[in-house]
Amino acid sequence: MEIPYTVAERPDTGLNNGKIGIWLFLASEVMLFGALFASYLMMRIGATAGTWPRGDSILNVPLATLNTVVLISSSVTMVMAWASLKRNDFGKFRLFQGLTVLAGFGFLTIKYIEYSAKFHHGLLPSTNTFLAIYFTLTGLHGLHVIGGMVINGYLWGPGSKLWKTDPEHFTNRVENSGLFWHFVDLVWIFLFPILYLL
């Protein structure tokens, strides 16, 4: 039995099932990160004057800036991968999708360097509330980067077989994985200034 609306748009929503599913999932992710951001802001506002450290006094702003450039660039390559499929250019899709996954590795490598420096200097989640929140938010974000890399890597590799039999369905899958990847980038765009610059 075939599941309806995996490719065709539903008449009631104008979206296929995959796109509805990814938007519902992203709504739950907004609530998760929104609650964590709100908790951070409440603790920061409620802290005694002069006790809350500035992010740029503890964290490595140049590395975080580089990571921001890497992640924003990966959003561009993700769009180019999807656009290549829309143009029926599978070779360029493989190139841009591979670059997206590599950018994810680059982001995690830079984050590893940053974490290692913190641990080396004894700056742990137990050091203070700010670092506890920093490691929670960036660690959870890092897990989302890994998840996105796994999905994008699968679509670049074994999952790409679907292109030969059902290219429209495959293109939709790439678009949905791209929506998740853009969400991960958007979360970082909020994390960077809130944690590192303020």
N, C-alpha and C. Protein backbone atom coordinates (compact mmCIF):
# COMPACT_ATOMS: atom_id res chain seq x y z
N MET A 1 0.84 -1.18 0.00
CA MET A 1 0.00 0.00 0.00
C MET A 1 0.88 1.25 0.00
N GLU A 2 0.59 2.17 -0.88
CA GLU A 2 1.39 3.39 -0.98
C GLU A 2 0.80 4.49 -0.11
N ILE A 3 1.68 5.20 0.59
CA ILE A 3 1.23 6.32 1.42
C ILE A 3 0.95 7.52 0.51
N PRO A 4 -0.24 8.12 0.61
CA PRO A 4 -0.54 9.26 -0.26
C PRO A 4 0.21 10.52 0.16
N TYR A 5 0.38 11.41 -0.77
CA TYR A 5 0.93 12.75 -0.55
C TYR A 5 2.39 12.76 -0.09
N THR A 6 3.16 11.73 -0.49
CA THR A 6 4.59 11.78 -0.20
C THR A 6 5.30 12.69 -1.21
N VAL A 7 4.72 12.85 -2.37
CA VAL A 7 5.26 13.74 -3.39
C VAL A 7 4.25 14.82 -3.73
N ALA A 8 3.02 14.39 -4.04
CA ALA A 8 1.97 15.35 -4.39
C ALA A 8 1.56 16.17 -3.16
N GLU A 9 1.13 17.39 -3.43
CA GLU A 9 0.68 18.26 -2.33
C GLU A 9 -0.71 17.85 -1.89
N ARG A 10 -0.94 17.95 -0.61
CA ARG A 10 -2.27 17.67 -0.06
C ARG A 10 -3.24 18.77 -0.50
N PRO A 11 -4.47 18.43 -0.84
CA PRO A 11 -5.41 19.48 -1.25
C PRO A 11 -5.81 20.41 -0.10
N ASP A 12 -5.73 19.92 1.14
CA ASP A 12 -6.17 20.73 2.28
C ASP A 12 -5.11 21.71 2.77
N THR A 13 -3.83 21.40 2.55
CA THR A 13 -2.77 22.28 3.06
C THR A 13 -1.90 22.88 1.96
N GLY A 14 -1.89 22.24 0.80
CA GLY A 14 -1.00 22.69 -0.26
C GLY A 14 0.43 22.26 -0.05
N LEU A 15 0.68 21.38 0.93
CA LEU A 15 2.01 20.86 1.24
C LEU A 15 1.99 19.35 1.16
N ASN A 16 3.15 18.74 0.88
CA ASN A 16 3.22 17.28 0.96
C ASN A 16 3.44 16.87 2.42
N ASN A 17 3.26 15.59 2.69
CA ASN A 17 3.35 15.11 4.07
C ASN A 17 4.72 15.38 4.70
N GLY A 18 5.78 15.22 3.90
CA GLY A 18 7.12 15.45 4.45
C GLY A 18 7.32 16.87 4.91
N LYS A 19 6.82 17.82 4.14
CA LYS A 19 7.00 19.22 4.52
C LYS A 19 6.17 19.57 5.75
N ILE A 20 4.96 19.02 5.83
CA ILE A 20 4.14 19.23 7.04
C ILE A 20 4.87 18.66 8.25
N GLY A 21 5.41 17.45 8.08
CA GLY A 21 6.13 16.81 9.19
C GLY A 21 7.33 17.61 9.66
N ILE A 22 8.13 18.12 8.71
CA ILE A 22 9.33 18.86 9.12
C ILE A 22 8.96 20.17 9.79
N TRP A 23 7.91 20.84 9.32
CA TRP A 23 7.49 22.10 9.95
C TRP A 23 6.96 21.85 11.37
N LEU A 24 6.23 20.75 11.58
CA LEU A 24 5.76 20.43 12.93
C LEU A 24 6.95 20.10 13.84
N PHE A 25 7.91 19.36 13.31
CA PHE A 25 9.11 19.04 14.10
C PHE A 25 9.87 20.31 14.46
N LEU A 26 10.04 21.22 13.48
CA LEU A 26 10.76 22.46 13.75
C LEU A 26 10.02 23.33 14.76
N ALA A 27 8.69 23.27 14.76
CA ALA A 27 7.92 24.02 15.76
C ALA A 27 8.26 23.51 17.17
N SER A 28 8.40 22.20 17.32
CA SER A 28 8.77 21.65 18.64
C SER A 28 10.19 22.05 19.02
N GLU A 29 11.06 22.14 18.03
CA GLU A 29 12.44 22.57 18.28
C GLU A 29 12.50 24.04 18.70
N VAL A 30 11.65 24.86 18.09
CA VAL A 30 11.57 26.28 18.49
C VAL A 30 11.16 26.37 19.96
N MET A 31 10.22 25.53 20.38
CA MET A 31 9.79 25.55 21.78
C MET A 31 10.93 25.11 22.70
N LEU A 32 11.68 24.10 22.29
CA LEU A 32 12.81 23.63 23.11
C LEU A 32 13.85 24.73 23.28
N PHE A 33 14.35 25.26 22.18
CA PHE A 33 15.38 26.29 22.28
C PHE A 33 14.82 27.58 22.86
N GLY A 34 13.56 27.88 22.56
CA GLY A 34 12.94 29.07 23.13
C GLY A 34 12.89 29.01 24.64
N ALA A 35 12.57 27.85 25.19
CA ALA A 35 12.54 27.69 26.65
C ALA A 35 13.94 27.86 27.24
N LEU A 36 14.95 27.33 26.56
CA LEU A 36 16.33 27.47 27.05
C LEU A 36 16.80 28.92 26.97
N PHE A 37 16.48 29.61 25.86
CA PHE A 37 16.84 31.02 25.75
C PHE A 37 16.15 31.85 26.83
N ALA A 38 14.87 31.57 27.05
CA ALA A 38 14.11 32.31 28.07
C ALA A 38 14.70 32.07 29.46
N SER A 39 15.08 30.82 29.74
CA SER A 39 15.71 30.51 31.04
C SER A 39 17.01 31.28 31.21
N TYR A 40 17.80 31.32 30.15
CA TYR A 40 19.06 32.07 30.19
C TYR A 40 18.80 33.54 30.49
N LEU A 41 17.85 34.13 29.78
CA LEU A 41 17.57 35.55 29.97
C LEU A 41 17.06 35.84 31.38
N MET A 42 16.19 34.99 31.89
CA MET A 42 15.66 35.19 33.24
C MET A 42 16.77 35.10 34.29
N MET A 43 17.68 34.15 34.14
CA MET A 43 18.78 34.02 35.10
C MET A 43 19.74 35.20 35.00
N ARG A 44 19.97 35.64 33.77
CA ARG A 44 20.88 36.77 33.60
C ARG A 44 20.29 38.06 34.16
N ILE A 45 19.02 38.29 33.87
CA ILE A 45 18.36 39.50 34.38
C ILE A 45 18.26 39.46 35.91
N GLY A 46 18.04 38.26 36.45
CA GLY A 46 17.88 38.12 37.90
C GLY A 46 19.19 38.07 38.68
N ALA A 47 20.31 38.01 37.97
CA ALA A 47 21.61 37.92 38.67
C ALA A 47 21.94 39.24 39.35
N THR A 48 22.62 39.15 40.47
CA THR A 48 23.06 40.35 41.19
C THR A 48 24.01 41.14 40.29
N ALA A 49 23.87 42.45 40.35
CA ALA A 49 24.69 43.33 39.49
C ALA A 49 26.17 43.03 39.67
N GLY A 50 26.86 42.87 38.55
CA GLY A 50 28.31 42.64 38.57
C GLY A 50 28.72 41.20 38.75
N THR A 51 27.76 40.28 38.94
CA THR A 51 28.13 38.87 39.14
C THR A 51 28.06 38.05 37.87
N TRP A 52 27.35 38.54 36.87
CA TRP A 52 27.20 37.78 35.64
C TRP A 52 28.34 38.16 34.68
N PRO A 53 29.16 37.20 34.25
CA PRO A 53 30.29 37.54 33.38
C PRO A 53 29.84 37.87 31.96
N ARG A 54 30.58 38.76 31.32
CA ARG A 54 30.34 39.02 29.89
C ARG A 54 30.90 37.85 29.11
N GLY A 55 30.18 37.43 28.08
CA GLY A 55 30.63 36.30 27.27
C GLY A 55 32.00 36.51 26.67
N ASP A 56 32.27 37.74 26.19
CA ASP A 56 33.56 37.97 25.53
C ASP A 56 34.73 37.99 26.50
N SER A 57 34.45 37.96 27.82
CA SER A 57 35.55 37.90 28.79
C SER A 57 35.98 36.45 29.06
N ILE A 58 35.14 35.50 28.69
CA ILE A 58 35.43 34.08 28.95
C ILE A 58 35.55 33.28 27.65
N LEU A 59 34.72 33.62 26.67
CA LEU A 59 34.61 32.81 25.46
C LEU A 59 35.49 33.37 24.35
N ASN A 60 35.78 32.53 23.37
CA ASN A 60 36.65 32.88 22.26
C ASN A 60 35.81 33.44 21.10
N VAL A 61 35.72 34.77 21.05
CA VAL A 61 34.88 35.43 20.04
C VAL A 61 35.41 35.20 18.62
N PRO A 62 36.73 35.29 18.37
CA PRO A 62 37.20 35.04 16.99
C PRO A 62 36.85 33.64 16.47
N LEU A 63 37.00 32.61 17.32
CA LEU A 63 36.64 31.25 16.88
C LEU A 63 35.14 31.15 16.62
N ALA A 64 34.34 31.78 17.48
CA ALA A 64 32.89 31.74 17.30
C ALA A 64 32.48 32.49 16.03
N THR A 65 33.20 33.57 15.73
CA THR A 65 32.92 34.32 14.50
C THR A 65 33.23 33.45 13.28
N LEU A 66 34.36 32.76 13.33
CA LEU A 66 34.72 31.84 12.24
C LEU A 66 33.65 30.76 12.09
N ASN A 67 33.18 30.22 13.21
CA ASN A 67 32.14 29.20 13.17
C ASN A 67 30.84 29.74 12.56
N THR A 68 30.56 31.02 12.83
CA THR A 68 29.37 31.63 12.25
C THR A 68 29.48 31.71 10.74
N VAL A 69 30.65 32.09 10.25
CA VAL A 69 30.89 32.15 8.81
C VAL A 69 30.76 30.75 8.18
N VAL A 70 31.33 29.75 8.85
CA VAL A 70 31.28 28.37 8.34
C VAL A 70 29.82 27.91 8.24
N LEU A 71 29.04 28.17 9.29
CA LEU A 71 27.67 27.68 9.30
C LEU A 71 26.79 28.43 8.30
N ILE A 72 26.96 29.74 8.18
CA ILE A 72 26.18 30.49 7.19
C ILE A 72 26.55 30.03 5.78
N SER A 73 27.83 29.79 5.55
CA SER A 73 28.26 29.28 4.23
C SER A 73 27.62 27.93 3.94
N SER A 74 27.47 27.11 4.97
CA SER A 74 26.87 25.79 4.76
C SER A 74 25.40 25.90 4.39
N SER A 75 24.74 26.95 4.84
CA SER A 75 23.35 27.16 4.42
C SER A 75 23.29 27.47 2.93
N VAL A 76 24.27 28.23 2.45
CA VAL A 76 24.33 28.55 1.02
C VAL A 76 24.55 27.28 0.21
N THR A 77 25.49 26.43 0.64
CA THR A 77 25.75 25.20 -0.10
C THR A 77 24.55 24.25 -0.05
N MET A 78 23.80 24.29 1.06
CA MET A 78 22.60 23.45 1.15
C MET A 78 21.55 23.89 0.13
N VAL A 79 21.37 25.19 0.00
CA VAL A 79 20.43 25.71 -1.00
C VAL A 79 20.91 25.35 -2.40
N MET A 80 22.21 25.46 -2.65
CA MET A 80 22.76 25.13 -3.96
C MET A 80 22.57 23.65 -4.29
N ALA A 81 22.67 22.79 -3.26
CA ALA A 81 22.45 21.36 -3.48
C ALA A 81 21.01 21.12 -3.94
N TRP A 82 20.06 21.71 -3.24
CA TRP A 82 18.64 21.56 -3.60
C TRP A 82 18.37 22.16 -4.99
N ALA A 83 18.92 23.35 -5.25
CA ALA A 83 18.71 24.01 -6.54
C ALA A 83 19.30 23.17 -7.68
N SER A 84 20.41 22.48 -7.41
CA SER A 84 21.02 21.62 -8.44
C SER A 84 20.08 20.48 -8.82
N LEU A 85 19.39 19.93 -7.84
CA LEU A 85 18.41 18.87 -8.14
C LEU A 85 17.25 19.42 -8.95
N LYS A 86 16.81 20.63 -8.62
CA LYS A 86 15.72 21.26 -9.38
C LYS A 86 16.13 21.47 -10.83
N ARG A 87 17.44 21.62 -11.07
CA ARG A 87 17.95 21.79 -12.44
C ARG A 87 18.39 20.46 -13.06
N ASN A 88 18.10 19.35 -12.37
CA ASN A 88 18.46 18.00 -12.83
C ASN A 88 19.96 17.82 -12.98
N ASP A 89 20.74 18.47 -12.14
CA ASP A 89 22.19 18.34 -12.17
C ASP A 89 22.65 17.59 -10.90
N PHE A 90 22.60 16.27 -10.99
CA PHE A 90 22.93 15.44 -9.83
C PHE A 90 24.39 15.58 -9.41
N GLY A 91 25.28 15.77 -10.36
CA GLY A 91 26.70 15.93 -10.04
C GLY A 91 26.95 17.15 -9.16
N LYS A 92 26.31 18.27 -9.50
CA LYS A 92 26.48 19.47 -8.67
C LYS A 92 25.81 19.29 -7.31
N PHE A 93 24.68 18.56 -7.28
CA PHE A 93 24.07 18.25 -5.99
C PHE A 93 25.07 17.55 -5.09
N ARG A 94 25.75 16.52 -5.63
CA ARG A 94 26.72 15.77 -4.81
C ARG A 94 27.82 16.69 -4.30
N LEU A 95 28.28 17.60 -5.15
CA LEU A 95 29.33 18.54 -4.75
C LEU A 95 28.86 19.43 -3.61
N PHE A 96 27.72 20.09 -3.79
CA PHE A 96 27.25 21.04 -2.78
C PHE A 96 26.79 20.34 -1.49
N GLN A 97 26.19 19.17 -1.63
CA GLN A 97 25.77 18.43 -0.44
C GLN A 97 27.00 17.97 0.35
N GLY A 98 28.03 17.53 -0.38
CA GLY A 98 29.27 17.14 0.28
C GLY A 98 29.92 18.32 1.00
N LEU A 99 29.89 19.49 0.38
CA LEU A 99 30.44 20.69 1.02
C LEU A 99 29.66 21.06 2.28
N THR A 100 28.36 20.84 2.24
CA THR A 100 27.54 21.12 3.43
C THR A 100 27.95 20.22 4.59
N VAL A 101 28.13 18.94 4.30
CA VAL A 101 28.55 18.00 5.36
C VAL A 101 29.95 18.36 5.85
N LEU A 102 30.85 18.71 4.94
CA LEU A 102 32.21 19.11 5.35
C LEU A 102 32.18 20.36 6.21
N ALA A 103 31.30 21.30 5.89
CA ALA A 103 31.18 22.51 6.72
C ALA A 103 30.71 22.14 8.12
N GLY A 104 29.82 21.16 8.22
CA GLY A 104 29.40 20.68 9.54
C GLY A 104 30.58 20.13 10.32
N PHE A 105 31.44 19.34 9.65
CA PHE A 105 32.65 18.84 10.31
C PHE A 105 33.55 19.99 10.75
N GLY A 106 33.66 21.01 9.88
CA GLY A 106 34.47 22.18 10.23
C GLY A 106 33.93 22.87 11.46
N PHE A 107 32.62 23.05 11.52
CA PHE A 107 32.00 23.69 12.68
C PHE A 107 32.30 22.91 13.95
N LEU A 108 32.12 21.59 13.89
CA LEU A 108 32.34 20.76 15.09
C LEU A 108 33.82 20.73 15.48
N THR A 109 34.71 20.78 14.51
CA THR A 109 36.15 20.80 14.81
C THR A 109 36.50 22.09 15.57
N ILE A 110 35.98 23.21 15.09
CA ILE A 110 36.24 24.48 15.77
C ILE A 110 35.64 24.46 17.17
N LYS A 111 34.45 23.91 17.30
CA LYS A 111 33.80 23.83 18.62
C LYS A 111 34.62 22.92 19.54
N TYR A 112 35.18 21.83 19.00
CA TYR A 112 36.03 20.94 19.80
C TYR A 112 37.26 21.69 20.31
N ILE A 113 37.87 22.50 19.45
CA ILE A 113 39.04 23.29 19.86
C ILE A 113 38.65 24.24 20.99
N GLU A 114 37.50 24.86 20.84
CA GLU A 114 37.03 25.81 21.85
C GLU A 114 36.73 25.10 23.18
N TYR A 115 36.02 23.98 23.12
CA TYR A 115 35.73 23.22 24.33
C TYR A 115 37.01 22.74 25.01
N SER A 116 37.96 22.24 24.22
CA SER A 116 39.22 21.74 24.79
C SER A 116 39.96 22.82 25.55
N ALA A 117 39.98 24.03 24.99
CA ALA A 117 40.64 25.15 25.67
C ALA A 117 39.94 25.46 26.99
N LYS A 118 38.62 25.41 26.99
CA LYS A 118 37.87 25.68 28.24
C LYS A 118 38.21 24.62 29.29
N PHE A 119 38.16 23.35 28.91
CA PHE A 119 38.44 22.28 29.87
C PHE A 119 39.88 22.37 30.37
N HIS A 120 40.80 22.71 29.47
CA HIS A 120 42.21 22.84 29.85
C HIS A 120 42.41 23.91 30.92
N HIS A 121 41.63 24.98 30.84
CA HIS A 121 41.74 26.07 31.82
C HIS A 121 40.79 25.90 33.00
N GLY A 122 40.19 24.73 33.13
CA GLY A 122 39.33 24.45 34.27
C GLY A 122 37.98 25.14 34.21
N LEU A 123 37.57 25.58 33.02
CA LEU A 123 36.26 26.22 32.86
C LEU A 123 35.25 25.15 32.47
N LEU A 124 34.52 24.66 33.46
CA LEU A 124 33.61 23.54 33.30
C LEU A 124 32.17 23.99 33.51
N PRO A 125 31.20 23.17 33.16
CA PRO A 125 29.81 23.55 33.43
C PRO A 125 29.55 23.82 34.92
N SER A 126 30.31 23.17 35.79
CA SER A 126 30.13 23.37 37.23
C SER A 126 30.79 24.64 37.76
N THR A 127 31.54 25.35 36.90
CA THR A 127 32.25 26.55 37.35
C THR A 127 31.29 27.66 37.75
N ASN A 128 30.32 27.95 36.92
CA ASN A 128 29.31 28.96 37.26
C ASN A 128 28.08 28.75 36.39
N THR A 129 27.04 29.50 36.67
CA THR A 129 25.78 29.34 35.94
C THR A 129 25.94 29.70 34.47
N PHE A 130 26.71 30.74 34.18
CA PHE A 130 26.90 31.13 32.79
C PHE A 130 27.49 29.99 31.98
N LEU A 131 28.55 29.36 32.49
CA LEU A 131 29.17 28.26 31.74
C LEU A 131 28.27 27.04 31.65
N ALA A 132 27.46 26.82 32.70
CA ALA A 132 26.51 25.70 32.64
C ALA A 132 25.52 25.92 31.49
N ILE A 133 25.04 27.14 31.36
CA ILE A 133 24.11 27.45 30.26
C ILE A 133 24.84 27.40 28.92
N TYR A 134 26.05 27.94 28.88
CA TYR A 134 26.83 27.94 27.64
C TYR A 134 27.02 26.52 27.12
N PHE A 135 27.47 25.61 27.99
CA PHE A 135 27.71 24.23 27.55
C PHE A 135 26.40 23.52 27.20
N THR A 136 25.32 23.83 27.91
CA THR A 136 24.03 23.21 27.60
C THR A 136 23.54 23.64 26.22
N LEU A 137 23.52 24.96 25.99
CA LEU A 137 23.01 25.47 24.72
C LEU A 137 23.89 25.08 23.53
N THR A 138 25.20 25.27 23.66
CA THR A 138 26.08 24.94 22.53
C THR A 138 26.21 23.44 22.34
N GLY A 139 26.14 22.68 23.43
CA GLY A 139 26.20 21.22 23.32
C GLY A 139 24.96 20.67 22.62
N LEU A 140 23.79 21.18 23.00
CA LEU A 140 22.56 20.75 22.35
C LEU A 140 22.56 21.16 20.88
N HIS A 141 23.05 22.35 20.61
CA HIS A 141 23.15 22.80 19.23
C HIS A 141 24.11 21.89 18.45
N GLY A 142 25.23 21.53 19.06
CA GLY A 142 26.19 20.63 18.42
C GLY A 142 25.57 19.28 18.08
N LEU A 143 24.71 18.77 18.96
CA LEU A 143 24.01 17.51 18.67
C LEU A 143 23.10 17.66 17.45
N HIS A 144 22.49 18.84 17.33
CA HIS A 144 21.65 19.08 16.15
C HIS A 144 22.50 19.16 14.88
N VAL A 145 23.69 19.74 14.98
CA VAL A 145 24.60 19.77 13.83
C VAL A 145 24.95 18.34 13.41
N ILE A 146 25.26 17.50 14.39
CA ILE A 146 25.59 16.10 14.08
C ILE A 146 24.40 15.41 13.42
N GLY A 147 23.20 15.63 13.95
CA GLY A 147 22.00 15.04 13.35
C GLY A 147 21.81 15.48 11.91
N GLY A 148 21.99 16.78 11.66
CA GLY A 148 21.88 17.29 10.30
C GLY A 148 22.92 16.70 9.37
N MET A 149 24.14 16.52 9.89
CA MET A 149 25.21 15.92 9.08
C MET A 149 24.88 14.47 8.73
N VAL A 150 24.32 13.74 9.68
CA VAL A 150 23.95 12.34 9.42
C VAL A 150 22.91 12.27 8.31
N ILE A 151 21.88 13.11 8.41
CA ILE A 151 20.81 13.11 7.39
C ILE A 151 21.38 13.53 6.04
N ASN A 152 22.13 14.64 6.02
CA ASN A 152 22.68 15.12 4.75
C ASN A 152 23.69 14.14 4.16
N GLY A 153 24.47 13.51 5.04
CA GLY A 153 25.42 12.50 4.57
C GLY A 153 24.71 11.29 3.97
N TYR A 154 23.60 10.89 4.59
CA TYR A 154 22.82 9.78 4.05
C TYR A 154 22.26 10.14 2.68
N LEU A 155 21.73 11.35 2.55
CA LEU A 155 21.17 11.77 1.26
C LEU A 155 22.27 11.93 0.20
N TRP A 156 23.46 12.27 0.63
CA TRP A 156 24.60 12.38 -0.30
C TRP A 156 25.04 10.99 -0.76
N GLY A 157 24.96 10.01 0.17
CA GLY A 157 25.46 8.66 -0.11
C GLY A 157 24.36 7.69 -0.48
N PRO A 158 24.08 6.72 0.41
CA PRO A 158 23.15 5.64 0.04
C PRO A 158 21.73 6.12 -0.27
N GLY A 159 21.28 7.18 0.37
CA GLY A 159 19.93 7.68 0.12
C GLY A 159 19.74 8.28 -1.26
N SER A 160 20.84 8.57 -1.93
CA SER A 160 20.74 9.21 -3.25
C SER A 160 20.26 8.24 -4.34
N LYS A 161 20.17 6.95 -4.01
CA LYS A 161 19.65 5.98 -5.00
C LYS A 161 18.23 6.33 -5.42
N LEU A 162 17.50 6.99 -4.52
CA LEU A 162 16.12 7.35 -4.82
C LEU A 162 16.04 8.32 -6.01
N TRP A 163 17.11 9.06 -6.27
CA TRP A 163 17.12 10.00 -7.41
C TRP A 163 16.84 9.28 -8.73
N LYS A 164 17.35 8.04 -8.86
CA LYS A 164 17.19 7.31 -10.12
C LYS A 164 15.75 6.84 -10.32
N THR A 165 15.06 6.51 -9.24
CA THR A 165 13.72 5.94 -9.38
C THR A 165 12.60 6.97 -9.16
N ASP A 166 12.84 7.96 -8.31
CA ASP A 166 11.80 8.94 -7.99
C ASP A 166 12.46 10.29 -7.66
N PRO A 167 12.93 11.00 -8.69
CA PRO A 167 13.69 12.23 -8.44
C PRO A 167 12.92 13.32 -7.69
N GLU A 168 11.63 13.41 -7.92
CA GLU A 168 10.85 14.45 -7.22
C GLU A 168 10.77 14.17 -5.73
N HIS A 169 10.56 12.91 -5.38
CA HIS A 169 10.52 12.51 -3.97
C HIS A 169 11.88 12.77 -3.31
N PHE A 170 12.95 12.43 -4.01
CA PHE A 170 14.29 12.66 -3.47
C PHE A 170 14.55 14.16 -3.27
N THR A 171 14.14 14.96 -4.25
CA THR A 171 14.33 16.41 -4.14
C THR A 171 13.58 16.96 -2.93
N ASN A 172 12.37 16.44 -2.69
CA ASN A 172 11.61 16.86 -1.51
C ASN A 172 12.34 16.50 -0.23
N ARG A 173 12.94 15.33 -0.19
CA ARG A 173 13.70 14.93 1.01
C ARG A 173 14.87 15.86 1.25
N VAL A 174 15.55 16.23 0.19
CA VAL A 174 16.68 17.16 0.33
C VAL A 174 16.18 18.52 0.81
N GLU A 175 15.05 18.96 0.28
CA GLU A 175 14.49 20.24 0.73
C GLU A 175 14.15 20.20 2.21
N ASN A 176 13.56 19.10 2.67
CA ASN A 176 13.20 18.97 4.08
C ASN A 176 14.44 18.93 4.97
N SER A 177 15.47 18.22 4.53
CA SER A 177 16.70 18.20 5.33
C SER A 177 17.33 19.58 5.34
N GLY A 178 17.16 20.32 4.23
CA GLY A 178 17.67 21.69 4.18
C GLY A 178 16.94 22.60 5.15
N LEU A 179 15.63 22.41 5.31
CA LEU A 179 14.89 23.22 6.28
C LEU A 179 15.43 22.99 7.68
N PHE A 180 15.73 21.73 8.01
CA PHE A 180 16.31 21.45 9.33
C PHE A 180 17.68 22.11 9.47
N TRP A 181 18.49 22.01 8.41
CA TRP A 181 19.84 22.59 8.46
C TRP A 181 19.78 24.11 8.62
N HIS A 182 18.84 24.76 7.94
CA HIS A 182 18.69 26.20 8.09
C HIS A 182 18.25 26.56 9.51
N PHE A 183 17.41 25.72 10.10
CA PHE A 183 17.00 25.96 11.49
C PHE A 183 18.21 25.89 12.42
N VAL A 184 19.07 24.90 12.21
CA VAL A 184 20.28 24.77 13.03
C VAL A 184 21.15 26.02 12.89
N ASP A 185 21.26 26.53 11.67
CA ASP A 185 22.02 27.76 11.45
C ASP A 185 21.38 28.95 12.14
N LEU A 186 20.06 29.02 12.07
CA LEU A 186 19.35 30.13 12.69
C LEU A 186 19.52 30.13 14.21
N VAL A 187 19.49 28.95 14.81
CA VAL A 187 19.72 28.86 16.26
C VAL A 187 21.10 29.42 16.61
N TRP A 188 22.11 29.07 15.80
CA TRP A 188 23.46 29.58 16.07
C TRP A 188 23.52 31.10 15.93
N ILE A 189 22.78 31.65 14.98
CA ILE A 189 22.77 33.10 14.79
C ILE A 189 22.22 33.80 16.03
N PHE A 190 21.33 33.14 16.77
CA PHE A 190 20.87 33.69 18.05
C PHE A 190 21.88 33.40 19.17
N LEU A 191 22.44 32.19 19.17
CA LEU A 191 23.39 31.82 20.24
C LEU A 191 24.63 32.70 20.24
N PHE A 192 25.15 32.98 19.06
CA PHE A 192 26.42 33.71 18.96
C PHE A 192 26.37 35.07 19.66
N PRO A 193 25.45 35.95 19.33
CA PRO A 193 25.47 37.24 20.04
C PRO A 193 25.07 37.15 21.50
N ILE A 194 24.08 36.29 21.81
CA ILE A 194 23.59 36.23 23.19
C ILE A 194 24.67 35.71 24.13
N LEU A 195 25.40 34.68 23.71
CA LEU A 195 26.41 34.09 24.60
C LEU A 195 27.76 34.78 24.49
N TYR A 196 28.18 35.11 23.29
CA TYR A 196 29.56 35.56 23.08
C TYR A 196 29.73 37.08 23.15
N LEU A 197 28.70 37.84 22.78
CA LEU A 197 28.91 39.29 22.61
C LEU A 197 28.25 40.13 23.70
N LEU A 198 27.27 39.59 24.40
CA LEU A 198 26.57 40.40 25.40
C LEU A 198 27.03 40.12 26.82
